[in-house]
N, C-alpha and C. Protein backbone atom coordinates (compact mmCIF):
# COMPACT_ATOMS: atom_id res chain seq x y z
N UNK A 1 113.90 45.29 117.05
CA UNK A 1 112.84 45.21 118.04
C UNK A 1 112.78 46.53 118.81
N UNK A 2 111.59 47.12 118.90
CA UNK A 2 111.40 48.38 119.60
C UNK A 2 111.17 48.13 121.08
N UNK A 3 111.83 48.93 121.89
CA UNK A 3 111.68 48.79 123.34
C UNK A 3 110.33 49.33 123.78
N UNK A 4 109.67 48.63 124.69
CA UNK A 4 108.37 49.06 125.22
C UNK A 4 108.58 50.32 126.06
N UNK A 5 107.89 51.44 125.72
CA UNK A 5 108.09 52.68 126.46
C UNK A 5 107.40 52.70 127.83
N UNK A 6 106.51 51.75 128.10
CA UNK A 6 105.74 51.80 129.33
C UNK A 6 106.59 51.79 130.58
N UNK A 7 107.58 50.89 130.72
CA UNK A 7 108.40 50.93 131.94
C UNK A 7 109.14 52.26 132.11
N UNK A 8 109.64 52.80 131.02
CA UNK A 8 110.35 54.09 131.09
C UNK A 8 109.38 55.19 131.51
N UNK A 9 108.22 55.21 130.92
CA UNK A 9 107.23 56.23 131.25
C UNK A 9 106.81 56.10 132.72
N UNK A 10 106.64 54.89 133.19
CA UNK A 10 106.26 54.68 134.59
C UNK A 10 107.37 55.12 135.54
N UNK A 11 108.63 54.87 135.16
CA UNK A 11 109.74 55.34 135.99
C UNK A 11 109.76 56.86 136.05
N UNK A 12 109.48 57.49 134.91
CA UNK A 12 109.43 58.95 134.89
C UNK A 12 108.30 59.48 135.76
N UNK A 13 107.13 58.86 135.68
CA UNK A 13 105.99 59.29 136.51
C UNK A 13 106.30 59.12 137.99
N UNK A 14 106.92 58.01 138.34
CA UNK A 14 107.28 57.76 139.74
C UNK A 14 108.31 58.77 140.23
N UNK A 15 109.32 59.02 139.43
CA UNK A 15 110.34 60.00 139.80
C UNK A 15 109.75 61.41 139.89
N UNK A 16 108.87 61.72 138.96
CA UNK A 16 108.23 63.04 138.95
C UNK A 16 107.33 63.23 140.17
N UNK A 17 106.66 62.18 140.56
CA UNK A 17 105.79 62.26 141.75
C UNK A 17 106.63 62.64 142.97
N UNK A 18 107.77 62.00 143.11
CA UNK A 18 108.67 62.29 144.23
C UNK A 18 109.18 63.73 144.16
N UNK A 19 109.61 64.13 142.98
CA UNK A 19 110.16 65.48 142.78
C UNK A 19 109.11 66.56 142.99
N UNK A 20 107.93 66.39 142.40
CA UNK A 20 106.87 67.39 142.55
C UNK A 20 106.36 67.47 143.98
N UNK A 21 106.26 66.33 144.64
CA UNK A 21 105.80 66.34 146.04
C UNK A 21 106.79 67.09 146.93
N UNK A 22 108.06 66.95 146.63
CA UNK A 22 109.09 67.60 147.44
C UNK A 22 109.27 69.08 147.11
N UNK A 23 109.09 69.46 145.83
CA UNK A 23 109.47 70.81 145.41
C UNK A 23 108.36 71.61 144.73
N UNK A 24 107.23 71.00 144.44
CA UNK A 24 106.19 71.70 143.70
C UNK A 24 106.55 71.83 142.25
N UNK A 25 105.64 72.38 141.48
CA UNK A 25 105.91 72.47 140.03
C UNK A 25 106.99 73.50 139.74
N UNK A 26 107.00 74.62 140.45
CA UNK A 26 108.01 75.65 140.17
C UNK A 26 109.40 75.21 140.60
N UNK A 27 109.50 74.50 141.70
CA UNK A 27 110.81 74.10 142.21
C UNK A 27 111.34 72.79 141.65
N UNK A 28 110.46 72.00 141.05
CA UNK A 28 110.89 70.71 140.48
C UNK A 28 111.82 70.96 139.30
N UNK A 29 112.78 70.07 139.14
CA UNK A 29 113.74 70.18 138.05
C UNK A 29 113.67 68.94 137.17
N UNK A 30 113.54 69.19 135.88
CA UNK A 30 113.46 68.11 134.90
C UNK A 30 114.73 67.26 134.96
N UNK A 31 115.88 67.89 135.16
CA UNK A 31 117.14 67.14 135.26
C UNK A 31 117.11 66.14 136.40
N UNK A 32 116.57 66.55 137.54
CA UNK A 32 116.50 65.64 138.70
C UNK A 32 115.52 64.50 138.44
N UNK A 33 114.41 64.80 137.79
CA UNK A 33 113.43 63.76 137.47
C UNK A 33 114.07 62.73 136.54
N UNK A 34 114.73 63.20 135.50
CA UNK A 34 115.38 62.30 134.55
C UNK A 34 116.46 61.46 135.23
N UNK A 35 117.26 62.09 136.09
CA UNK A 35 118.32 61.35 136.78
C UNK A 35 117.73 60.29 137.71
N UNK A 36 116.68 60.65 138.43
CA UNK A 36 116.05 59.70 139.34
C UNK A 36 115.44 58.52 138.58
N UNK A 37 114.89 58.80 137.40
CA UNK A 37 114.30 57.74 136.56
C UNK A 37 115.35 57.02 135.73
N UNK A 38 116.56 57.55 135.73
CA UNK A 38 117.67 56.97 134.96
C UNK A 38 117.37 56.97 133.46
N UNK A 39 116.87 58.11 132.97
CA UNK A 39 116.61 58.28 131.54
C UNK A 39 117.09 59.65 131.09
N UNK A 40 117.19 59.83 129.80
CA UNK A 40 117.53 61.12 129.22
C UNK A 40 116.36 62.07 129.41
N UNK A 41 116.64 63.33 129.78
CA UNK A 41 115.54 64.26 130.05
C UNK A 41 114.69 64.55 128.81
N UNK A 42 115.24 64.31 127.63
CA UNK A 42 114.44 64.51 126.41
C UNK A 42 113.24 63.57 126.38
N UNK A 43 113.34 62.44 127.07
CA UNK A 43 112.21 61.50 127.14
C UNK A 43 111.00 62.15 127.82
N UNK A 44 111.26 63.01 128.79
CA UNK A 44 110.16 63.71 129.48
C UNK A 44 109.37 64.52 128.48
N UNK A 45 110.08 65.26 127.64
CA UNK A 45 109.40 66.09 126.64
C UNK A 45 108.72 65.23 125.58
N UNK A 46 109.35 64.11 125.24
CA UNK A 46 108.76 63.21 124.26
C UNK A 46 107.47 62.57 124.74
N UNK A 47 107.44 62.17 126.01
CA UNK A 47 106.25 61.51 126.56
C UNK A 47 105.18 62.50 127.00
N UNK A 48 105.59 63.63 127.58
CA UNK A 48 104.63 64.50 128.26
C UNK A 48 104.50 65.90 127.66
N UNK A 49 105.44 66.31 126.85
CA UNK A 49 105.36 67.63 126.24
C UNK A 49 106.11 68.68 127.02
N UNK A 50 105.79 68.84 128.29
CA UNK A 50 106.48 69.82 129.12
C UNK A 50 106.28 69.47 130.60
N UNK A 51 106.92 70.23 131.46
CA UNK A 51 106.87 69.95 132.89
C UNK A 51 105.45 70.12 133.44
N UNK A 52 104.74 71.12 132.95
CA UNK A 52 103.36 71.35 133.40
C UNK A 52 102.47 70.14 133.11
N UNK A 53 102.57 69.60 131.91
CA UNK A 53 101.75 68.44 131.54
C UNK A 53 102.17 67.20 132.34
N UNK A 54 103.45 67.07 132.62
CA UNK A 54 103.92 65.97 133.45
C UNK A 54 103.33 66.11 134.86
N UNK A 55 103.37 67.31 135.42
CA UNK A 55 102.79 67.55 136.74
C UNK A 55 101.31 67.18 136.76
N UNK A 56 100.57 67.62 135.76
CA UNK A 56 99.14 67.33 135.69
C UNK A 56 98.89 65.82 135.62
N UNK A 57 99.70 65.11 134.88
CA UNK A 57 99.52 63.67 134.77
C UNK A 57 99.87 62.98 136.09
N UNK A 58 100.90 63.45 136.77
CA UNK A 58 101.28 62.88 138.06
C UNK A 58 100.16 63.06 139.08
N UNK A 59 99.59 64.25 139.15
CA UNK A 59 98.50 64.50 140.10
C UNK A 59 97.28 63.67 139.73
N UNK A 60 96.95 63.59 138.44
CA UNK A 60 95.83 62.76 138.01
C UNK A 60 96.01 61.30 138.37
N UNK A 61 97.21 60.79 138.17
CA UNK A 61 97.50 59.40 138.50
C UNK A 61 97.41 59.17 140.01
N UNK A 62 97.88 60.11 140.80
CA UNK A 62 97.80 59.99 142.26
C UNK A 62 96.35 59.98 142.72
N UNK A 63 95.53 60.81 142.10
CA UNK A 63 94.10 60.82 142.44
C UNK A 63 93.45 59.50 142.07
N UNK A 64 93.83 58.94 140.93
CA UNK A 64 93.30 57.62 140.53
C UNK A 64 93.68 56.56 141.56
N UNK A 65 94.92 56.62 142.06
CA UNK A 65 95.36 55.67 143.09
C UNK A 65 94.50 55.80 144.34
N UNK A 66 94.24 57.02 144.75
CA UNK A 66 93.41 57.26 145.93
C UNK A 66 91.99 56.74 145.71
N UNK A 67 91.41 57.06 144.56
CA UNK A 67 90.04 56.63 144.27
C UNK A 67 89.93 55.10 144.25
N UNK A 68 90.93 54.44 143.72
CA UNK A 68 90.91 52.97 143.66
C UNK A 68 91.13 52.36 145.05
N UNK A 69 91.99 52.97 145.84
CA UNK A 69 92.32 52.42 147.15
C UNK A 69 91.27 52.72 148.20
N UNK A 70 90.56 53.85 148.07
CA UNK A 70 89.61 54.27 149.10
C UNK A 70 88.29 54.67 148.45
N UNK A 71 87.54 53.68 147.97
CA UNK A 71 86.25 54.02 147.38
C UNK A 71 85.23 54.37 148.45
N UNK A 72 84.20 55.08 148.05
CA UNK A 72 83.07 55.35 148.93
C UNK A 72 81.84 54.84 148.20
N UNK A 73 81.36 53.70 148.64
CA UNK A 73 80.21 53.06 147.99
C UNK A 73 78.96 53.36 148.80
N UNK A 74 77.80 53.29 148.15
CA UNK A 74 76.55 53.46 148.89
C UNK A 74 76.49 52.45 150.04
N UNK A 75 76.08 52.90 151.19
CA UNK A 75 75.95 52.01 152.34
C UNK A 75 77.20 51.91 153.19
N UNK A 76 78.33 52.43 152.71
CA UNK A 76 79.55 52.41 153.52
C UNK A 76 79.34 53.26 154.78
N UNK A 77 80.05 52.92 155.83
CA UNK A 77 80.06 53.71 157.05
C UNK A 77 80.94 54.94 156.79
N UNK A 78 80.36 56.14 156.74
CA UNK A 78 81.17 57.33 156.42
C UNK A 78 82.31 57.57 157.40
N UNK A 79 82.12 57.24 158.68
CA UNK A 79 83.20 57.44 159.65
C UNK A 79 84.37 56.50 159.36
N UNK A 80 84.07 55.28 158.97
CA UNK A 80 85.14 54.35 158.60
C UNK A 80 85.80 54.77 157.30
N UNK A 81 85.05 55.39 156.39
CA UNK A 81 85.63 55.96 155.18
C UNK A 81 86.69 57.00 155.56
N UNK A 82 86.38 57.84 156.55
CA UNK A 82 87.35 58.83 157.03
C UNK A 82 88.61 58.13 157.51
N UNK A 83 88.45 57.03 158.23
CA UNK A 83 89.61 56.28 158.70
C UNK A 83 90.44 55.73 157.56
N UNK A 84 89.76 55.24 156.51
CA UNK A 84 90.49 54.70 155.36
C UNK A 84 91.23 55.81 154.60
N UNK A 85 90.59 56.98 154.48
CA UNK A 85 91.25 58.12 153.82
C UNK A 85 92.46 58.55 154.66
N UNK A 86 92.28 58.62 155.97
CA UNK A 86 93.39 58.97 156.86
C UNK A 86 94.55 57.99 156.68
N UNK A 87 94.24 56.69 156.68
CA UNK A 87 95.27 55.67 156.51
C UNK A 87 96.00 55.82 155.18
N UNK A 88 95.24 56.07 154.12
CA UNK A 88 95.86 56.20 152.80
C UNK A 88 96.82 57.38 152.78
N UNK A 89 96.37 58.52 153.29
CA UNK A 89 97.23 59.71 153.27
C UNK A 89 98.45 59.53 154.18
N UNK A 90 98.28 58.83 155.28
CA UNK A 90 99.42 58.58 156.16
C UNK A 90 100.44 57.69 155.46
N UNK A 91 99.95 56.70 154.72
CA UNK A 91 100.85 55.79 154.01
C UNK A 91 101.40 56.40 152.72
N UNK A 92 100.72 57.42 152.20
CA UNK A 92 101.11 58.04 150.92
C UNK A 92 101.13 59.56 151.08
N UNK A 93 102.04 60.10 151.88
CA UNK A 93 102.01 61.54 152.16
C UNK A 93 102.25 62.42 150.93
N UNK A 94 102.81 61.86 149.90
CA UNK A 94 103.07 62.68 148.71
C UNK A 94 101.79 63.16 148.05
N UNK A 95 100.70 62.42 148.18
CA UNK A 95 99.45 62.83 147.53
C UNK A 95 98.95 64.15 148.10
N UNK A 96 98.92 64.27 149.42
CA UNK A 96 98.46 65.52 150.02
C UNK A 96 99.38 66.66 149.60
N UNK A 97 100.68 66.42 149.60
CA UNK A 97 101.60 67.48 149.18
C UNK A 97 101.36 67.87 147.72
N UNK A 98 101.10 66.88 146.86
CA UNK A 98 100.82 67.20 145.46
C UNK A 98 99.57 68.08 145.33
N UNK A 99 98.53 67.75 146.11
CA UNK A 99 97.31 68.57 146.07
C UNK A 99 97.58 69.99 146.57
N UNK A 100 98.40 70.12 147.59
CA UNK A 100 98.73 71.45 148.10
C UNK A 100 99.53 72.24 147.06
N UNK A 101 100.50 71.59 146.43
CA UNK A 101 101.26 72.27 145.37
C UNK A 101 100.34 72.65 144.21
N UNK A 102 99.42 71.74 143.86
CA UNK A 102 98.48 72.03 142.78
C UNK A 102 97.63 73.26 143.13
N UNK A 103 97.17 73.33 144.37
CA UNK A 103 96.37 74.48 144.79
C UNK A 103 97.17 75.78 144.71
N UNK A 104 98.43 75.73 145.11
CA UNK A 104 99.26 76.92 145.03
C UNK A 104 99.52 77.32 143.58
N UNK A 105 99.70 76.34 142.73
CA UNK A 105 100.02 76.63 141.33
C UNK A 105 98.81 77.16 140.56
N UNK A 106 97.69 76.46 140.67
CA UNK A 106 96.52 76.84 139.87
C UNK A 106 95.65 77.90 140.54
N UNK A 107 95.71 77.96 141.87
CA UNK A 107 94.87 78.88 142.65
C UNK A 107 93.41 78.72 142.23
N UNK A 108 92.79 79.76 141.70
CA UNK A 108 91.38 79.69 141.31
C UNK A 108 91.18 79.32 139.85
N UNK A 109 92.26 79.12 139.11
CA UNK A 109 92.13 78.76 137.70
C UNK A 109 91.63 77.33 137.57
N UNK A 110 90.89 77.04 136.50
CA UNK A 110 90.42 75.67 136.31
C UNK A 110 91.59 74.71 136.09
N UNK A 111 91.41 73.50 136.58
CA UNK A 111 92.42 72.45 136.37
C UNK A 111 92.26 71.88 134.97
N UNK A 112 93.32 71.37 134.37
CA UNK A 112 93.21 70.81 133.03
C UNK A 112 92.20 69.66 132.92
N UNK A 113 92.08 68.87 133.95
CA UNK A 113 91.17 67.73 133.93
C UNK A 113 90.07 67.88 134.99
N UNK A 114 89.67 69.10 135.22
CA UNK A 114 88.73 69.39 136.32
C UNK A 114 87.39 68.70 136.15
N UNK A 115 86.85 68.64 134.95
CA UNK A 115 85.53 68.02 134.79
C UNK A 115 85.56 66.53 135.11
N UNK A 116 86.64 65.83 134.73
CA UNK A 116 86.75 64.41 135.06
C UNK A 116 86.88 64.21 136.56
N UNK A 117 87.69 65.05 137.19
CA UNK A 117 87.87 64.94 138.63
C UNK A 117 86.59 65.31 139.37
N UNK A 118 85.89 66.33 138.89
CA UNK A 118 84.63 66.72 139.53
C UNK A 118 83.61 65.60 139.44
N UNK A 119 83.60 64.87 138.34
CA UNK A 119 82.63 63.77 138.21
C UNK A 119 82.94 62.66 139.21
N UNK A 120 84.21 62.44 139.53
CA UNK A 120 84.57 61.48 140.56
C UNK A 120 83.95 61.88 141.90
N UNK A 121 84.07 63.15 142.24
CA UNK A 121 83.52 63.63 143.51
C UNK A 121 81.98 63.66 143.47
N UNK A 122 81.42 63.93 142.32
CA UNK A 122 79.95 63.88 142.21
C UNK A 122 79.44 62.48 142.53
N UNK A 123 80.16 61.46 142.05
CA UNK A 123 79.76 60.08 142.37
C UNK A 123 79.89 59.80 143.87
N UNK A 124 80.93 60.32 144.48
CA UNK A 124 81.10 60.13 145.93
C UNK A 124 79.99 60.84 146.70
N UNK A 125 79.62 62.04 146.27
CA UNK A 125 78.52 62.75 146.92
C UNK A 125 77.22 61.96 146.76
N UNK A 126 76.98 61.44 145.56
CA UNK A 126 75.77 60.64 145.33
C UNK A 126 75.76 59.39 146.20
N UNK A 127 76.91 58.73 146.33
CA UNK A 127 76.99 57.54 147.18
C UNK A 127 76.77 57.89 148.65
N UNK A 128 77.31 59.02 149.09
CA UNK A 128 77.11 59.45 150.46
C UNK A 128 75.64 59.79 150.70
N UNK A 129 75.02 60.47 149.75
CA UNK A 129 73.59 60.80 149.87
C UNK A 129 72.76 59.52 149.96
N UNK A 130 73.12 58.53 149.16
CA UNK A 130 72.39 57.26 149.21
C UNK A 130 72.57 56.58 150.57
N UNK A 131 73.78 56.65 151.10
CA UNK A 131 74.03 56.10 152.44
C UNK A 131 73.16 56.79 153.48
N UNK A 132 73.01 58.10 153.34
CA UNK A 132 72.18 58.87 154.28
C UNK A 132 70.69 58.69 154.02
N UNK A 133 70.34 58.11 152.87
CA UNK A 133 68.93 57.95 152.53
C UNK A 133 68.28 59.27 152.14
N UNK A 134 69.06 60.13 151.51
CA UNK A 134 68.57 61.44 151.10
C UNK A 134 69.02 61.72 149.68
N UNK A 135 68.59 62.83 149.16
CA UNK A 135 69.01 63.23 147.83
C UNK A 135 70.32 64.00 147.87
N UNK A 136 70.89 64.17 146.70
CA UNK A 136 72.11 64.96 146.57
C UNK A 136 71.76 66.41 146.89
N UNK A 137 72.60 67.04 147.70
CA UNK A 137 72.35 68.43 148.09
C UNK A 137 73.68 69.10 148.42
N UNK A 138 73.67 70.42 148.48
CA UNK A 138 74.90 71.12 148.91
C UNK A 138 75.35 70.68 150.31
N UNK A 139 74.41 70.32 151.15
CA UNK A 139 74.76 69.89 152.51
C UNK A 139 75.53 68.56 152.48
N UNK A 140 75.11 67.64 151.63
CA UNK A 140 75.81 66.36 151.51
C UNK A 140 77.20 66.60 150.91
N UNK A 141 77.28 67.48 149.92
CA UNK A 141 78.58 67.79 149.30
C UNK A 141 79.51 68.42 150.34
N UNK A 142 78.99 69.33 151.17
CA UNK A 142 79.81 69.95 152.22
C UNK A 142 80.24 68.91 153.24
N UNK A 143 79.38 67.95 153.50
CA UNK A 143 79.73 66.87 154.43
C UNK A 143 80.90 66.06 153.88
N UNK A 144 80.87 65.71 152.60
CA UNK A 144 81.98 64.95 152.00
C UNK A 144 83.27 65.75 152.08
N UNK A 145 83.22 67.02 151.72
CA UNK A 145 84.42 67.86 151.79
C UNK A 145 84.97 67.90 153.21
N UNK A 146 84.10 68.02 154.20
CA UNK A 146 84.52 68.06 155.60
C UNK A 146 85.15 66.74 156.03
N UNK A 147 84.56 65.63 155.60
CA UNK A 147 85.11 64.32 155.96
C UNK A 147 86.50 64.13 155.38
N UNK A 148 86.67 64.50 154.12
CA UNK A 148 87.98 64.38 153.48
C UNK A 148 89.00 65.29 154.18
N UNK A 149 88.58 66.50 154.49
CA UNK A 149 89.47 67.43 155.18
C UNK A 149 89.89 66.91 156.55
N UNK A 150 88.95 66.35 157.29
CA UNK A 150 89.24 65.79 158.59
C UNK A 150 90.28 64.69 158.50
N UNK A 151 90.16 63.87 157.47
CA UNK A 151 91.10 62.76 157.28
C UNK A 151 92.46 63.21 156.77
N UNK A 152 92.47 64.19 155.89
CA UNK A 152 93.72 64.57 155.22
C UNK A 152 94.55 65.60 155.99
N UNK A 153 93.90 66.48 156.72
CA UNK A 153 94.61 67.62 157.30
C UNK A 153 95.77 67.23 158.22
N UNK A 154 95.63 66.26 159.12
CA UNK A 154 96.77 65.93 159.97
C UNK A 154 98.00 65.48 159.17
N UNK A 155 97.77 64.88 158.02
CA UNK A 155 98.87 64.44 157.17
C UNK A 155 99.37 65.57 156.27
N UNK A 156 98.52 66.54 156.01
CA UNK A 156 98.92 67.67 155.18
C UNK A 156 99.84 68.62 155.94
N UNK A 157 99.61 68.75 157.24
CA UNK A 157 100.40 69.67 158.06
C UNK A 157 100.97 68.92 159.27
N UNK A 158 101.92 68.01 159.04
CA UNK A 158 102.46 67.22 160.15
C UNK A 158 103.13 68.07 161.21
N UNK A 159 103.66 69.23 160.82
CA UNK A 159 104.30 70.10 161.80
C UNK A 159 103.27 70.64 162.78
N UNK A 160 102.06 70.94 162.31
CA UNK A 160 101.01 71.42 163.20
C UNK A 160 100.56 70.29 164.13
N UNK A 161 100.41 69.09 163.55
CA UNK A 161 100.04 67.94 164.38
C UNK A 161 101.08 67.71 165.46
N UNK A 162 102.35 67.84 165.11
CA UNK A 162 103.42 67.64 166.09
C UNK A 162 103.36 68.69 167.19
N UNK A 163 103.13 69.95 166.81
CA UNK A 163 103.10 71.02 167.82
C UNK A 163 101.88 70.89 168.74
N UNK A 164 100.74 70.52 168.18
CA UNK A 164 99.52 70.41 168.98
C UNK A 164 99.52 69.16 169.83
N UNK A 165 99.94 68.04 169.24
CA UNK A 165 99.89 66.77 169.95
C UNK A 165 101.12 66.52 170.80
N UNK A 166 102.19 67.28 170.57
CA UNK A 166 103.39 67.12 171.37
C UNK A 166 104.23 65.92 171.00
N UNK A 167 103.95 65.33 169.85
CA UNK A 167 104.71 64.17 169.41
C UNK A 167 104.77 64.19 167.89
N UNK A 168 105.79 63.60 167.37
CA UNK A 168 105.90 63.52 165.91
C UNK A 168 104.81 62.61 165.37
N UNK A 169 104.20 62.99 164.26
CA UNK A 169 103.18 62.11 163.66
C UNK A 169 103.81 60.79 163.24
N UNK A 170 103.11 59.71 163.22
CA UNK A 170 101.70 59.65 163.56
C UNK A 170 101.48 59.46 165.06
N UNK A 171 100.59 60.20 165.61
CA UNK A 171 100.21 60.03 167.01
C UNK A 171 99.42 58.73 167.10
N UNK A 172 99.69 57.89 168.07
CA UNK A 172 99.08 56.56 168.09
C UNK A 172 97.55 56.56 168.19
N UNK A 173 96.97 57.58 168.79
CA UNK A 173 95.51 57.59 168.96
C UNK A 173 94.78 58.48 167.96
N UNK A 174 95.51 59.15 167.08
CA UNK A 174 94.88 60.14 166.23
C UNK A 174 93.87 59.53 165.27
N UNK A 175 94.19 58.43 164.64
CA UNK A 175 93.25 57.81 163.70
C UNK A 175 91.95 57.47 164.42
N UNK A 176 92.07 56.85 165.58
CA UNK A 176 90.89 56.47 166.35
C UNK A 176 90.06 57.71 166.71
N UNK A 177 90.74 58.78 167.10
CA UNK A 177 90.04 60.01 167.45
C UNK A 177 89.35 60.62 166.23
N UNK A 178 90.03 60.66 165.10
CA UNK A 178 89.46 61.23 163.88
C UNK A 178 88.19 60.47 163.48
N UNK A 179 88.23 59.15 163.54
CA UNK A 179 87.05 58.35 163.19
C UNK A 179 85.92 58.59 164.18
N UNK A 180 86.24 58.62 165.48
CA UNK A 180 85.21 58.87 166.49
C UNK A 180 84.62 60.27 166.34
N UNK A 181 85.47 61.24 166.04
CA UNK A 181 85.01 62.61 165.84
C UNK A 181 84.07 62.68 164.63
N UNK A 182 84.46 62.00 163.55
CA UNK A 182 83.61 61.96 162.36
C UNK A 182 82.27 61.32 162.68
N UNK A 183 82.29 60.23 163.42
CA UNK A 183 81.04 59.54 163.77
C UNK A 183 80.12 60.46 164.57
N UNK A 184 80.67 61.18 165.55
CA UNK A 184 79.88 62.10 166.37
C UNK A 184 79.36 63.25 165.51
N UNK A 185 80.23 63.82 164.69
CA UNK A 185 79.81 64.93 163.83
C UNK A 185 78.71 64.49 162.86
N UNK A 186 78.85 63.30 162.33
CA UNK A 186 77.85 62.79 161.39
C UNK A 186 76.51 62.57 162.07
N UNK A 187 76.51 62.19 163.33
CA UNK A 187 75.24 61.98 164.03
C UNK A 187 74.47 63.28 164.18
N UNK A 188 75.18 64.41 164.19
CA UNK A 188 74.54 65.71 164.29
C UNK A 188 74.32 66.37 162.94
N UNK A 189 75.08 65.99 161.93
CA UNK A 189 75.09 66.73 160.67
C UNK A 189 74.43 66.01 159.51
N UNK A 190 74.07 64.74 159.69
CA UNK A 190 73.51 63.98 158.57
C UNK A 190 72.17 64.58 158.18
N UNK A 191 71.98 64.84 156.89
CA UNK A 191 70.71 65.38 156.43
C UNK A 191 69.57 64.40 156.70
N UNK A 192 68.42 64.95 156.94
CA UNK A 192 67.24 64.11 157.14
C UNK A 192 66.95 63.31 155.88
N UNK A 193 66.56 62.04 156.01
CA UNK A 193 66.19 61.27 154.83
C UNK A 193 65.03 61.93 154.08
N UNK A 194 64.98 61.70 152.80
CA UNK A 194 63.92 62.28 151.98
C UNK A 194 62.57 61.83 152.49
N UNK A 195 61.62 62.74 152.55
CA UNK A 195 60.24 62.41 152.93
C UNK A 195 60.00 62.39 154.43
N UNK A 196 60.99 62.80 155.24
CA UNK A 196 60.79 62.79 156.69
C UNK A 196 60.31 64.14 157.14
């Protein structure tokens, strides 16, 4: 009877997520990932090919988790979406760290799965445009990027939040402030509906 590789692969992905979030792709060690997953390190190469491909799969899986946990549907309140994104990143700080490591690693080079990821954001931009009652535009896309940044940044740089707010994150009122700030900014920045 052949053992199902899925649990082993999932343990490796989970261990790799922890390792990459803590050390980035350059600092991550395959030996530590294998030890944390309690498997032989050769399994990493068998399942993923190399450390780079494992990193890419970990980041892709983390993005899928975020997309499933925090959808943006047409008609959603964009300010509350910011609150949900903030909550997700606060509960899952490794995702922001993975994105930061990915940015440092790839810089301006295309990501291996960039077209699939871009299509996810294109759908979010379309849903936001529909919520605003307008067409897709660079302004709506910039609005989405700003909303995500507003939600993610305090969790991406907790040391800055601590220095500015004078307390270790999470600051008890920060989520409420971020949502209120988004609501106010959206009242000034929302594109005019089509035909107005």
